[in-house]
Amino acid sequence: MTNRNLLRELGWVVVLKLVLIMLLWSAFVRDARVTVDDAAMAERARAEAVKTTLPREGTDDGH
């Protein structure tokens, strides 16, 4: 197989994979919706920020 044929074949494989990924996305992901409670998300973000800034147990400097 020559380089030109190999490139053409690999190109078609890539195009086919992209088409299949788009079909799978449109079939299973496109219409998926997630509702987010703003207050709960803000509280969680604050809790994570505090957790990462507090010193660890058993250390003096937090490291």
C-alpha atoms as a PDB file:
ATOM      1  CA  MET A   1       0.000   0.000   0.000  1.00  0.00           C
ATOM      2  CA  THR A   2       1.423   3.383  -0.948  1.00  0.00           C
ATOM      3  CA  ASN A   3       1.541   6.403   1.302  1.00  0.00           C
ATOM      4  CA  ARG A   4      -1.172   8.144  -0.711  1.00  0.00           C
ATOM      5  CA  ASN A   5      -3.542   5.196  -0.359  1.00  0.00           C
ATOM      6  CA  LEU A   6      -2.774   4.911   3.337  1.00  0.00           C
ATOM      7  CA  LEU A   7      -3.490   8.607   3.888  1.00  0.00           C
ATOM      8  CA  ARG A   8      -6.762   8.357   1.955  1.00  0.00           C
ATOM      9  CA  GLU A   9      -7.840   5.309   3.935  1.00  0.00           C
ATOM     10  CA  LEU A  10      -6.911   6.889   7.279  1.00  0.00           C
ATOM     11  CA  GLY A  11      -8.770  10.039   6.258  1.00  0.00           C
ATOM     12  CA  TRP A  12     -11.945   8.047   5.589  1.00  0.00           C
ATOM     13  CA  VAL A  13     -11.588   6.249   8.908  1.00  0.00           C
ATOM     14  CA  VAL A  14     -11.290   9.558  10.746  1.00  0.00           C
ATOM     15  CA  VAL A  15     -14.301  10.997   8.906  1.00  0.00           C
ATOM     16  CA  LEU A  16     -16.342   7.870   9.660  1.00  0.00           C
ATOM     17  CA  LYS A  17     -15.414   8.033  13.353  1.00  0.00           C
ATOM     18  CA  LEU A  18     -16.406  11.698  13.539  1.00  0.00           C
ATOM     19  CA  VAL A  19     -19.754  10.953  11.922  1.00  0.00           C
ATOM     20  CA  LEU A  20     -20.386   8.093  14.349  1.00  0.00           C
ATOM     21  CA  ILE A  21     -19.457  10.261  17.341  1.00  0.00           C
ATOM     22  CA  MET A  22     -21.845  12.982  16.130  1.00  0.00           C
ATOM     23  CA  LEU A  23     -24.631  10.429  15.703  1.00  0.00           C
ATOM     24  CA  LEU A  24     -24.061   9.014  19.192  1.00  0.00           C
ATOM     25  CA  TRP A  25     -23.977  12.516  20.663  1.00  0.00           C
ATOM     26  CA  SER A  26     -27.188  13.526  18.932  1.00  0.00           C
ATOM     27  CA  ALA A  27     -28.907  10.309  20.020  1.00  0.00           C
ATOM     28  CA  PHE A  28     -27.885  10.300  23.687  1.00  0.00           C
ATOM     29  CA  VAL A  29     -26.428  13.617  24.826  1.00  0.00           C
ATOM     30  CA  ARG A  30     -27.974  16.496  22.884  1.00  0.00           C
ATOM     31  CA  ASP A  31     -31.286  16.600  24.739  1.00  0.00           C
ATOM     32  CA  ALA A  32     -29.836  15.897  28.181  1.00  0.00           C
ATOM     33  CA  ARG A  33     -30.439  18.789  30.562  1.00  0.00           C
ATOM     34  CA  VAL A  34     -29.151  19.281  34.080  1.00  0.00           C
ATOM     35  CA  THR A  35     -30.829  21.682  36.461  1.00  0.00           C
ATOM     36  CA  VAL A  36     -28.551  23.394  38.937  1.00  0.00           C
ATOM     37  CA  ASP A  37     -29.748  24.913  42.195  1.00  0.00           C
ATOM     38  CA  ASP A  38     -27.809  28.182  42.387  1.00  0.00           C
ATOM     39  CA  ALA A  39     -27.880  28.418  46.181  1.00  0.00           C
ATOM     40  CA  ALA A  40     -26.756  24.819  46.689  1.00  0.00           C
ATOM     41  CA  MET A  41     -23.949  25.223  44.143  1.00  0.00           C
ATOM     42  CA  ALA A  42     -22.751  28.457  45.782  1.00  0.00           C
ATOM     43  CA  GLU A  43     -22.726  26.762  49.200  1.00  0.00           C
ATOM     44  CA  ARG A  44     -20.760  23.839  47.842  1.00  0.00           C
ATOM     45  CA  ALA A  45     -18.247  26.135  46.175  1.00  0.00           C
ATOM     46  CA  ARG A  46     -17.803  28.050  49.446  1.00  0.00           C
ATOM     47  CA  ALA A  47     -17.375  24.797  51.375  1.00  0.00           C
ATOM     48  CA  GLU A  48     -14.727  23.581  48.906  1.00  0.00           C
ATOM     49  CA  ALA A  49     -12.881  26.908  49.107  1.00  0.00           C
ATOM     50  CA  VAL A  50     -12.824  26.771  52.899  1.00  0.00           C
ATOM     51  CA  LYS A  51     -11.765  23.112  52.876  1.00  0.00           C
ATOM     52  CA  THR A  52      -8.787  23.839  50.635  1.00  0.00           C
ATOM     53  CA  THR A  53      -7.628  26.820  52.705  1.00  0.00           C
ATOM     54  CA  LEU A  54      -7.852  25.227  56.159  1.00  0.00           C
ATOM     55  CA  PRO A  55      -4.666  23.655  57.566  1.00  0.00           C
ATOM     56  CA  ARG A  56      -4.527  19.876  57.622  1.00  0.00           C
ATOM     57  CA  GLU A  57      -4.827  18.085  60.920  1.00  0.00           C
ATOM     58  CA  GLY A  58      -1.522  17.394  62.649  1.00  0.00           C
ATOM     59  CA  THR A  59       0.434  20.123  60.875  1.00  0.00           C
ATOM     60  CA  ASP A  60       1.333  23.616  61.980  1.00  0.00           C
ATOM     61  CA  ASP A  61       1.591  25.294  58.588  1.00  0.00           C
ATOM     62  CA  GLY A  62      -1.176  23.583  56.619  1.00  0.00           C
ATOM     63  CA  HIS A  63       1.134  21.506  54.420  1.00  0.00           C
END
